[in-house]
Amino acid sequence: MGLFERLFNKEKTEIKTDEVRLSPIIEEQNEWQEVAGYIPVESAEYQIVSLIATAIAAGDQPESEFIVKRISKRNPEAQLVSVIATSIASADHAENQFVIRSIKEKRTS
């Protein structure tokens, strides 16, 4: 039975409980770790980003005070993987929109 038959012909297929093994699935999940979508910026970028952000937030009220607690930037690895994955997924359905909920990588032991 092919992969697509299992996915799209659910009414025809029956899963036998003695064939399902849960322990390998649990072990496989422990081998994967999530890739962070955002990473902290370097100290050299911190000052310029905080100045721009507070200037935009202040607008026409220069007497306002702001405290920037944390600045993060998009993880380039996660960004590249999400672009590649959505490009592949949208090859046949260009009118659809896709959302990447999480990116995981396999741990190297």
C-alpha atoms as a PDB file:
ATOM      1  CA  MET A   1       0.000   0.000   0.000  1.00  0.00           C
ATOM      2  CA  GLY A   2       1.452   3.366  -1.042  1.00  0.00           C
ATOM      3  CA  LEU A   3       1.798   6.478   1.036  1.00  0.00           C
ATOM      4  CA  PHE A   4      -0.901   8.370  -0.835  1.00  0.00           C
ATOM      5  CA  GLU A   5      -3.340   5.489  -0.546  1.00  0.00           C
ATOM      6  CA  ARG A   6      -2.879   5.502   3.222  1.00  0.00           C
ATOM      7  CA  LEU A   7      -3.372   9.257   3.424  1.00  0.00           C
ATOM      8  CA  PHE A   8      -6.317   9.710   1.099  1.00  0.00           C
ATOM      9  CA  ASN A   9      -8.209   6.418   1.319  1.00  0.00           C
ATOM     10  CA  LYS A  10      -8.847   6.291   5.053  1.00  0.00           C
ATOM     11  CA  GLU A  11     -12.249   4.657   4.710  1.00  0.00           C
ATOM     12  CA  LYS A  12     -10.699   1.698   2.910  1.00  0.00           C
ATOM     13  CA  THR A  13      -7.790   1.160   5.273  1.00  0.00           C
ATOM     14  CA  GLU A  14      -7.936  -0.288   8.734  1.00  0.00           C
ATOM     15  CA  ILE A  15      -5.202   0.097  11.317  1.00  0.00           C
ATOM     16  CA  LYS A  16      -4.562  -3.003  13.344  1.00  0.00           C
ATOM     17  CA  THR A  17      -3.680  -2.300  16.956  1.00  0.00           C
ATOM     18  CA  ASP A  18      -1.036  -5.012  17.142  1.00  0.00           C
ATOM     19  CA  GLU A  19       0.894  -3.378  14.255  1.00  0.00           C
ATOM     20  CA  VAL A  20       1.117   0.017  15.928  1.00  0.00           C
ATOM     21  CA  ARG A  21       4.255   0.456  17.996  1.00  0.00           C
ATOM     22  CA  LEU A  22       4.386   3.512  20.219  1.00  0.00           C
ATOM     23  CA  SER A  23       7.875   3.233  21.655  1.00  0.00           C
ATOM     24  CA  PRO A  24       9.787   3.982  18.392  1.00  0.00           C
ATOM     25  CA  ILE A  25       7.587   7.026  17.816  1.00  0.00           C
ATOM     26  CA  ILE A  26       8.354   8.368  21.286  1.00  0.00           C
ATOM     27  CA  GLU A  27      12.048   7.701  20.820  1.00  0.00           C
ATOM     28  CA  GLU A  28      12.027   9.507  17.459  1.00  0.00           C
ATOM     29  CA  GLN A  29      10.354  12.563  18.988  1.00  0.00           C
ATOM     30  CA  ASN A  30      13.125  12.852  21.568  1.00  0.00           C
ATOM     31  CA  GLU A  31      15.735  13.022  18.792  1.00  0.00           C
ATOM     32  CA  TRP A  32      14.250  16.235  17.367  1.00  0.00           C
ATOM     33  CA  GLN A  33      14.715  19.731  18.775  1.00  0.00           C
ATOM     34  CA  GLU A  34      12.882  22.868  17.770  1.00  0.00           C
ATOM     35  CA  VAL A  35      14.722  25.596  15.876  1.00  0.00           C
ATOM     36  CA  ALA A  36      14.132  29.034  17.391  1.00  0.00           C
ATOM     37  CA  GLY A  37      12.309  31.457  15.118  1.00  0.00           C
ATOM     38  CA  TYR A  38      14.069  34.457  16.628  1.00  0.00           C
ATOM     39  CA  ILE A  39      17.547  34.868  18.100  1.00  0.00           C
ATOM     40  CA  PRO A  40      19.035  37.699  20.214  1.00  0.00           C
ATOM     41  CA  VAL A  41      20.893  40.460  18.373  1.00  0.00           C
ATOM     42  CA  GLU A  42      24.575  41.210  18.848  1.00  0.00           C
ATOM     43  CA  SER A  43      25.538  44.129  21.086  1.00  0.00           C
ATOM     44  CA  ALA A  44      26.694  46.196  18.088  1.00  0.00           C
ATOM     45  CA  GLU A  45      23.174  46.128  16.595  1.00  0.00           C
ATOM     46  CA  TYR A  46      21.392  46.747  19.897  1.00  0.00           C
ATOM     47  CA  GLN A  47      21.936  50.512  20.119  1.00  0.00           C
ATOM     48  CA  ILE A  48      20.847  51.422  16.590  1.00  0.00           C
ATOM     49  CA  VAL A  49      17.760  49.201  16.711  1.00  0.00           C
ATOM     50  CA  SER A  50      16.662  50.558  20.098  1.00  0.00           C
ATOM     51  CA  LEU A  51      17.125  54.163  18.900  1.00  0.00           C
ATOM     52  CA  ILE A  52      15.038  53.580  15.786  1.00  0.00           C
ATOM     53  CA  ALA A  53      12.316  51.698  17.685  1.00  0.00           C
ATOM     54  CA  THR A  54      11.967  54.357  20.398  1.00  0.00           C
ATOM     55  CA  ALA A  55      11.948  57.166  17.808  1.00  0.00           C
ATOM     56  CA  ILE A  56       9.122  55.483  15.933  1.00  0.00           C
ATOM     57  CA  ALA A  57       7.209  54.729  19.137  1.00  0.00           C
ATOM     58  CA  ALA A  58       7.588  58.292  20.457  1.00  0.00           C
ATOM     59  CA  GLY A  59       6.192  59.872  17.315  1.00  0.00           C
ATOM     60  CA  ASP A  60       5.230  63.484  18.040  1.00  0.00           C
ATOM     61  CA  GLN A  61       5.817  63.207  21.798  1.00  0.00           C
ATOM     62  CA  PRO A  62       9.586  63.640  22.329  1.00  0.00           C
ATOM     63  CA  GLU A  63       9.179  63.909  26.110  1.00  0.00           C
ATOM     64  CA  SER A  64       8.123  60.255  26.275  1.00  0.00           C
ATOM     65  CA  GLU A  65      10.462  57.659  27.772  1.00  0.00           C
ATOM     66  CA  PHE A  66      10.823  54.068  26.640  1.00  0.00           C
ATOM     67  CA  ILE A  67      12.742  51.107  27.972  1.00  0.00           C
ATOM     68  CA  VAL A  68      13.770  48.431  25.486  1.00  0.00           C
ATOM     69  CA  LYS A  69      13.992  45.144  27.367  1.00  0.00           C
ATOM     70  CA  ARG A  70      14.832  42.733  24.590  1.00  0.00           C
ATOM     71  CA  ILE A  71      15.637  42.864  20.892  1.00  0.00           C
ATOM     72  CA  SER A  72      15.519  39.771  18.714  1.00  0.00           C
ATOM     73  CA  LYS A  73      16.054  39.182  15.028  1.00  0.00           C
ATOM     74  CA  ARG A  74      14.742  36.528  12.694  1.00  0.00           C
ATOM     75  CA  ASN A  75      16.793  33.337  12.700  1.00  0.00           C
ATOM     76  CA  PRO A  76      18.307  33.082   9.180  1.00  0.00           C
ATOM     77  CA  GLU A  77      18.261  29.276   9.307  1.00  0.00           C
ATOM     78  CA  ALA A  78      14.561  29.160  10.195  1.00  0.00           C
ATOM     79  CA  GLN A  79      13.762  31.779   7.585  1.00  0.00           C
ATOM     80  CA  LEU A  80      15.531  29.818   4.830  1.00  0.00           C
ATOM     81  CA  VAL A  81      13.855  26.535   5.790  1.00  0.00           C
ATOM     82  CA  SER A  82      10.397  28.129   5.872  1.00  0.00           C
ATOM     83  CA  VAL A  83      10.873  29.722   2.439  1.00  0.00           C
ATOM     84  CA  ILE A  84      12.029  26.434   0.924  1.00  0.00           C
ATOM     85  CA  ALA A  85       9.222  24.425   2.553  1.00  0.00           C
ATOM     86  CA  THR A  86       6.454  26.808   1.483  1.00  0.00           C
ATOM     87  CA  SER A  87       7.892  27.029  -2.041  1.00  0.00           C
ATOM     88  CA  ILE A  88       7.793  23.259  -2.383  1.00  0.00           C
ATOM     89  CA  ALA A  89       4.315  23.014  -0.862  1.00  0.00           C
ATOM     90  CA  SER A  90       2.890  25.763  -3.072  1.00  0.00           C
ATOM     91  CA  ALA A  91       4.279  24.375  -6.331  1.00  0.00           C
ATOM     92  CA  ASP A  92       0.906  22.935  -7.339  1.00  0.00           C
ATOM     93  CA  HIS A  93      -1.309  25.340  -5.389  1.00  0.00           C
ATOM     94  CA  ALA A  94       0.054  28.849  -5.899  1.00  0.00           C
ATOM     95  CA  GLU A  95      -3.199  30.463  -4.723  1.00  0.00           C
ATOM     96  CA  ASN A  96      -2.996  28.869  -1.247  1.00  0.00           C
ATOM     97  CA  GLN A  97      -1.337  30.361   1.821  1.00  0.00           C
ATOM     98  CA  PHE A  98       0.832  28.355   4.197  1.00  0.00           C
ATOM     99  CA  VAL A  99       1.874  28.953   7.809  1.00  0.00           C
ATOM    100  CA  ILE A 100       4.965  27.333   9.302  1.00  0.00           C
ATOM    101  CA  ARG A 101       4.126  26.541  12.928  1.00  0.00           C
ATOM    102  CA  SER A 102       7.432  24.987  13.968  1.00  0.00           C
ATOM    103  CA  ILE A 103      10.747  23.888  12.524  1.00  0.00           C
ATOM    104  CA  LYS A 104      12.614  20.993  14.062  1.00  0.00           C
ATOM    105  CA  GLU A 105      16.045  19.572  13.411  1.00  0.00           C
ATOM    106  CA  LYS A 106      17.408  16.183  14.251  1.00  0.00           C
ATOM    107  CA  ARG A 107      19.889  16.134  17.118  1.00  0.00           C
ATOM    108  CA  THR A 108      23.320  14.789  16.365  1.00  0.00           C
ATOM    109  CA  SER A 109      24.616  12.551  19.092  1.00  0.00           C
END
